């Protein structure tokens, strides 16, 4: 019974994590899948195992059993709460066009000290999945150098809220950097079927499709865009670098 209840709670937690915080493809790009499976593996297994060892209706009074089970449940819920908090702090919050590629900005990469500089209309740390943003052009060479030094010191550009701007403002830059999707098919012919399936699913043609690299926490993928509007239409699990 304890194992079944733990699995139900794990399923509800998975709905929250993968339905809101780490939707496709971020569960792979941001490491959410591995982190969550580790959390659930420990939480779902440890609680029922402890219950298995302490449950003894012959030697223990009912009151003692209930107290023991309540303590196990509290410890298990505390571990679950801490685990979900850890997962939430590493969640992806924005898909950011970073001058020549897309990058994923995570909640723990956004400095608290810069939150008061978030442009109006942008939610800095959304809880309902990543939103689409871009980085504005640097004002001058000095700002570019400062941002580069900060990135090398552990402040990645996608998390710099003072550089954020709405994605449509970078439309021309996105289209300038994008390459025809057909070129990617030539480089990775084994991915041709998956590319065909993606375009068929979204009702897109090869002639109107382009791509850009996508850099996540754990790996690089590909963003497929419309080469007229710069709208993001899908993702491909291939490293285009």
Protein backbone atom coordinates (compact mmCIF):
# COMPACT_ATOMS: atom_id res chain seq x y z
CA UNK A 1 0.00 0.00 0.00
CA UNK A 2 2.80 2.40 0.84
CA UNK A 3 4.59 1.62 -2.43
CA UNK A 4 1.40 2.15 -4.43
CA UNK A 5 0.73 5.48 -2.69
CA UNK A 6 4.33 6.56 -3.29
CA UNK A 7 4.01 5.77 -6.98
CA UNK A 8 0.80 7.83 -7.22
CA UNK A 9 2.57 10.80 -5.61
CA UNK A 10 5.51 10.29 -7.98
CA UNK A 11 3.16 10.33 -10.96
CA UNK A 12 1.62 13.61 -9.77
CA UNK A 13 5.08 15.09 -9.28
CA UNK A 14 6.08 13.95 -12.78
CA UNK A 15 3.04 15.73 -14.21
CA UNK A 16 4.17 18.95 -12.54
CA UNK A 17 7.83 18.63 -13.51
CA UNK A 18 7.47 17.48 -17.10
CA UNK A 19 4.16 19.14 -17.83
CA UNK A 20 5.15 22.63 -16.66
CA UNK A 21 8.78 22.99 -15.68
CA UNK A 22 10.59 20.72 -18.14
CA UNK A 23 8.40 20.25 -21.23
CA UNK A 24 9.88 18.71 -24.38
CA UNK A 25 12.74 19.08 -25.29
CA UNK A 26 14.02 20.62 -22.04
CA UNK A 27 13.76 17.39 -20.06
CA UNK A 28 16.73 16.23 -22.14
CA UNK A 29 18.49 19.55 -22.74
CA UNK A 30 18.39 20.70 -19.11
CA UNK A 31 18.89 17.39 -17.35
CA UNK A 32 15.45 17.41 -15.74
CA UNK A 33 14.75 13.78 -16.58
CA UNK A 34 17.85 12.39 -14.86
CA UNK A 35 17.44 14.63 -11.82
CA UNK A 36 13.78 13.72 -11.42
CA UNK A 37 14.36 9.97 -11.86
CA UNK A 38 17.08 10.07 -9.21
CA UNK A 39 14.78 11.94 -6.85
CA UNK A 40 11.84 9.61 -7.44
CA UNK A 41 14.00 6.48 -7.30
CA UNK A 42 15.19 7.41 -3.84
CA UNK A 43 11.88 8.73 -2.54
CA UNK A 44 9.64 5.97 -3.90
CA UNK A 45 11.96 3.16 -2.79
CA UNK A 46 13.25 4.33 0.58
CA UNK A 47 9.85 5.03 2.18
CA UNK A 48 8.28 1.63 1.44
CA UNK A 49 11.52 -0.17 2.38
CA UNK A 50 11.56 1.52 5.79
CA UNK A 51 7.89 0.64 6.22
CA UNK A 52 8.66 -2.98 5.35
CA UNK A 53 11.16 -3.20 8.20
CA UNK A 54 9.25 -1.33 10.88
CA UNK A 55 5.76 -2.74 10.26
CA UNK A 56 5.19 -5.44 12.84
CA UNK A 57 1.55 -5.69 13.99
CA UNK A 58 2.41 -8.55 16.34
CA UNK A 59 5.05 -6.82 18.44
CA UNK A 60 3.75 -3.26 18.15
CA UNK A 61 0.56 -1.68 19.32
CA UNK A 62 -1.64 -0.02 16.72
CA UNK A 63 -0.80 3.39 18.14
CA UNK A 64 2.94 2.72 17.82
CA UNK A 65 2.51 1.53 14.24
CA UNK A 66 0.56 4.61 13.28
CA UNK A 67 3.16 6.85 14.86
CA UNK A 68 6.01 5.08 13.05
CA UNK A 69 4.21 5.24 9.73
CA UNK A 70 3.38 8.91 10.23
CA UNK A 71 7.05 9.70 10.88
CA UNK A 72 8.11 7.77 7.78
CA UNK A 73 5.51 9.62 5.73
CA UNK A 74 6.67 13.00 7.04
CA UNK A 75 10.29 12.21 6.26
CA UNK A 76 9.33 11.01 2.80
CA UNK A 77 7.29 14.15 2.07
CA UNK A 78 10.11 16.35 3.37
CA UNK A 79 12.54 14.61 1.02
CA UNK A 80 10.07 14.98 -1.85
CA UNK A 81 9.59 18.68 -1.10
CA UNK A 82 13.32 19.33 -1.00
CA UNK A 83 13.81 17.36 -4.22
CA UNK A 84 11.08 19.27 -6.06
CA UNK A 85 12.51 22.55 -4.81
CA UNK A 86 15.95 21.55 -6.16
CA UNK A 87 14.44 20.60 -9.51
CA UNK A 88 12.52 23.87 -9.67
CA UNK A 89 15.64 25.94 -9.01
CA UNK A 90 17.33 24.38 -12.04
CA UNK A 91 14.27 24.62 -14.31
CA UNK A 92 14.54 26.23 -17.76
CA UNK A 93 12.84 29.61 -17.83
CA UNK A 94 13.61 31.00 -21.31
CA UNK A 95 14.69 29.93 -24.76
CA UNK A 96 16.96 32.79 -25.77
CA UNK A 97 18.28 33.76 -29.20
CA UNK A 98 21.92 34.54 -28.40
CA UNK A 99 23.18 36.39 -31.50
CA UNK A 100 24.08 33.30 -33.54
CA UNK A 101 22.33 30.46 -31.74
CA UNK A 102 19.61 29.62 -29.26
CA UNK A 103 20.47 28.93 -25.63
CA UNK A 104 18.45 27.82 -22.63
CA UNK A 105 18.39 30.12 -19.60
CA UNK A 106 17.79 28.35 -16.29
CA UNK A 107 16.37 29.82 -13.10
CA UNK A 108 19.62 29.41 -11.16
CA UNK A 109 21.51 31.27 -13.91
CA UNK A 110 19.51 34.48 -13.47
CA UNK A 111 21.27 36.70 -10.89
CA UNK A 112 18.98 38.00 -8.17
CA UNK A 113 20.89 41.29 -8.23
CA UNK A 114 19.69 41.95 -11.80
CA UNK A 115 16.01 41.15 -11.35
CA UNK A 116 15.13 44.81 -10.94
CA UNK A 117 16.48 45.42 -14.46
CA UNK A 118 14.12 43.04 -16.25
CA UNK A 119 12.50 44.81 -19.24
CA UNK A 120 8.83 45.65 -18.80
CA UNK A 121 6.47 42.93 -19.96
CA UNK A 122 8.93 40.04 -19.45
CA UNK A 123 8.38 37.58 -16.60
CA UNK A 124 11.90 36.82 -15.33
CA UNK A 125 11.28 33.41 -13.77
CA UNK A 126 8.09 31.88 -15.18
CA UNK A 127 6.67 28.73 -13.56
CA UNK A 128 4.73 27.49 -16.57
CA UNK A 129 7.58 26.60 -18.90
CA UNK A 130 10.20 28.49 -20.91
CA UNK A 131 9.26 31.56 -22.91
CA UNK A 132 10.94 32.82 -26.08
CA UNK A 133 13.32 35.80 -25.79
CA UNK A 134 16.34 37.29 -27.51
CA UNK A 135 19.37 39.34 -26.49
CA UNK A 136 19.58 42.95 -27.60
CA UNK A 137 22.68 44.17 -29.46
CA UNK A 138 25.51 45.42 -27.27
CA UNK A 139 25.56 49.19 -26.87
CA UNK A 140 29.31 49.41 -27.38
CA UNK A 141 32.56 47.46 -27.32
CA UNK A 142 32.99 47.96 -23.60
CA UNK A 143 29.63 46.40 -22.82
CA UNK A 144 30.50 43.45 -25.05
CA UNK A 145 33.81 42.95 -23.24
CA UNK A 146 32.18 43.23 -19.82
CA UNK A 147 29.54 40.67 -20.77
CA UNK A 148 32.20 38.29 -22.11
CA UNK A 149 34.24 38.54 -18.93
CA UNK A 150 31.13 38.00 -16.81
CA UNK A 151 30.20 34.93 -18.87
CA UNK A 152 33.66 33.48 -18.32
CA UNK A 153 33.19 34.09 -14.59
CA UNK A 154 29.95 32.09 -14.47
CA UNK A 155 27.28 34.58 -15.56
CA UNK A 156 26.13 33.19 -18.94
CA UNK A 157 24.64 35.64 -21.41
CA UNK A 158 21.18 33.97 -21.58
CA UNK A 159 20.73 34.75 -17.88
CA UNK A 160 21.61 38.43 -18.22
CA UNK A 161 18.22 40.07 -17.76
CA UNK A 162 19.63 43.48 -18.68
CA UNK A 163 20.22 42.15 -22.21
CA UNK A 164 16.80 40.55 -22.67
CA UNK A 165 14.33 41.78 -25.23
CA UNK A 166 11.18 40.34 -26.83
CA UNK A 167 11.97 37.70 -29.43
CA UNK A 168 10.28 39.49 -32.38
CA UNK A 169 12.79 42.34 -32.04
CA UNK A 170 15.54 39.97 -33.21
CA UNK A 171 13.62 38.58 -36.19
CA UNK A 172 16.02 39.98 -38.81
CA UNK A 173 19.08 38.78 -36.90
CA UNK A 174 17.57 35.30 -36.50
CA UNK A 175 16.86 35.01 -40.22
CA UNK A 176 20.32 36.30 -41.07
CA UNK A 177 22.01 33.62 -38.94
CA UNK A 178 19.72 30.73 -39.91
CA UNK A 179 20.72 28.11 -42.45
CA UNK A 180 18.43 26.12 -44.79
CA UNK A 181 17.20 22.93 -43.19
CA UNK A 182 18.11 21.05 -46.36
CA UNK A 183 21.78 21.67 -45.53
CA UNK A 184 21.32 19.88 -42.22
CA UNK A 185 19.71 16.96 -44.03
CA UNK A 186 22.75 16.74 -46.31
CA UNK A 187 25.06 16.66 -43.29
CA UNK A 188 22.94 14.17 -41.34
CA UNK A 189 21.10 11.98 -43.88
CA UNK A 190 20.17 9.49 -41.15
CA UNK A 191 17.98 12.23 -39.61
CA UNK A 192 16.04 12.79 -42.83
CA UNK A 193 13.06 10.71 -41.74
CA UNK A 194 12.77 12.55 -38.42
CA UNK A 195 12.99 15.89 -40.22
CA UNK A 196 10.25 14.83 -42.63
CA UNK A 197 8.06 13.78 -39.72
CA UNK A 198 8.58 17.10 -37.91
CA UNK A 199 7.68 19.16 -40.97
CA UNK A 200 4.67 16.98 -41.71
CA UNK A 201 3.42 17.32 -38.14
CA UNK A 202 3.56 21.14 -38.16
CA UNK A 203 2.47 21.51 -41.79
CA UNK A 204 5.74 23.07 -42.91
CA UNK A 205 7.60 22.76 -46.21
CA UNK A 206 11.32 22.23 -46.72
CA UNK A 207 11.52 25.45 -48.72
CA UNK A 208 10.30 27.52 -45.74
CA UNK A 209 12.39 25.76 -43.10
CA UNK A 210 15.70 26.79 -41.60
CA UNK A 211 17.70 25.86 -38.52
CA UNK A 212 19.96 27.21 -35.79
CA UNK A 213 21.97 25.49 -33.05
CA UNK A 214 20.43 25.12 -29.60
CA UNK A 215 22.69 24.90 -26.55
CA UNK A 216 21.34 23.37 -23.36
CA UNK A 217 22.91 22.46 -20.05
CA UNK A 218 23.85 18.92 -21.07
CA UNK A 219 23.92 18.85 -24.87
CA UNK A 220 23.31 20.68 -28.12
CA UNK A 221 20.21 20.21 -30.29
CA UNK A 222 18.77 22.03 -33.29
CA UNK A 223 15.95 24.58 -33.45
CA UNK A 224 13.88 24.52 -36.64
CA UNK A 225 12.34 27.85 -37.64
CA UNK A 226 10.19 29.32 -40.37
CA UNK A 227 12.55 31.18 -42.70
CA UNK A 228 9.99 33.92 -43.32
CA UNK A 229 8.63 34.70 -39.85
CA UNK A 230 11.48 33.31 -37.68
CA UNK A 231 8.86 31.44 -35.63
CA UNK A 232 10.18 28.37 -33.82
CA UNK A 233 8.39 25.33 -35.27
CA UNK A 234 10.24 22.42 -33.69
CA UNK A 235 13.36 20.77 -32.33
CA UNK A 236 15.67 18.02 -33.54
CA UNK A 237 18.03 15.91 -31.37
CA UNK A 238 21.09 16.57 -33.49
CA UNK A 239 24.20 18.61 -32.70
CA UNK A 240 24.72 20.94 -35.70
CA UNK A 241 28.08 22.35 -34.61
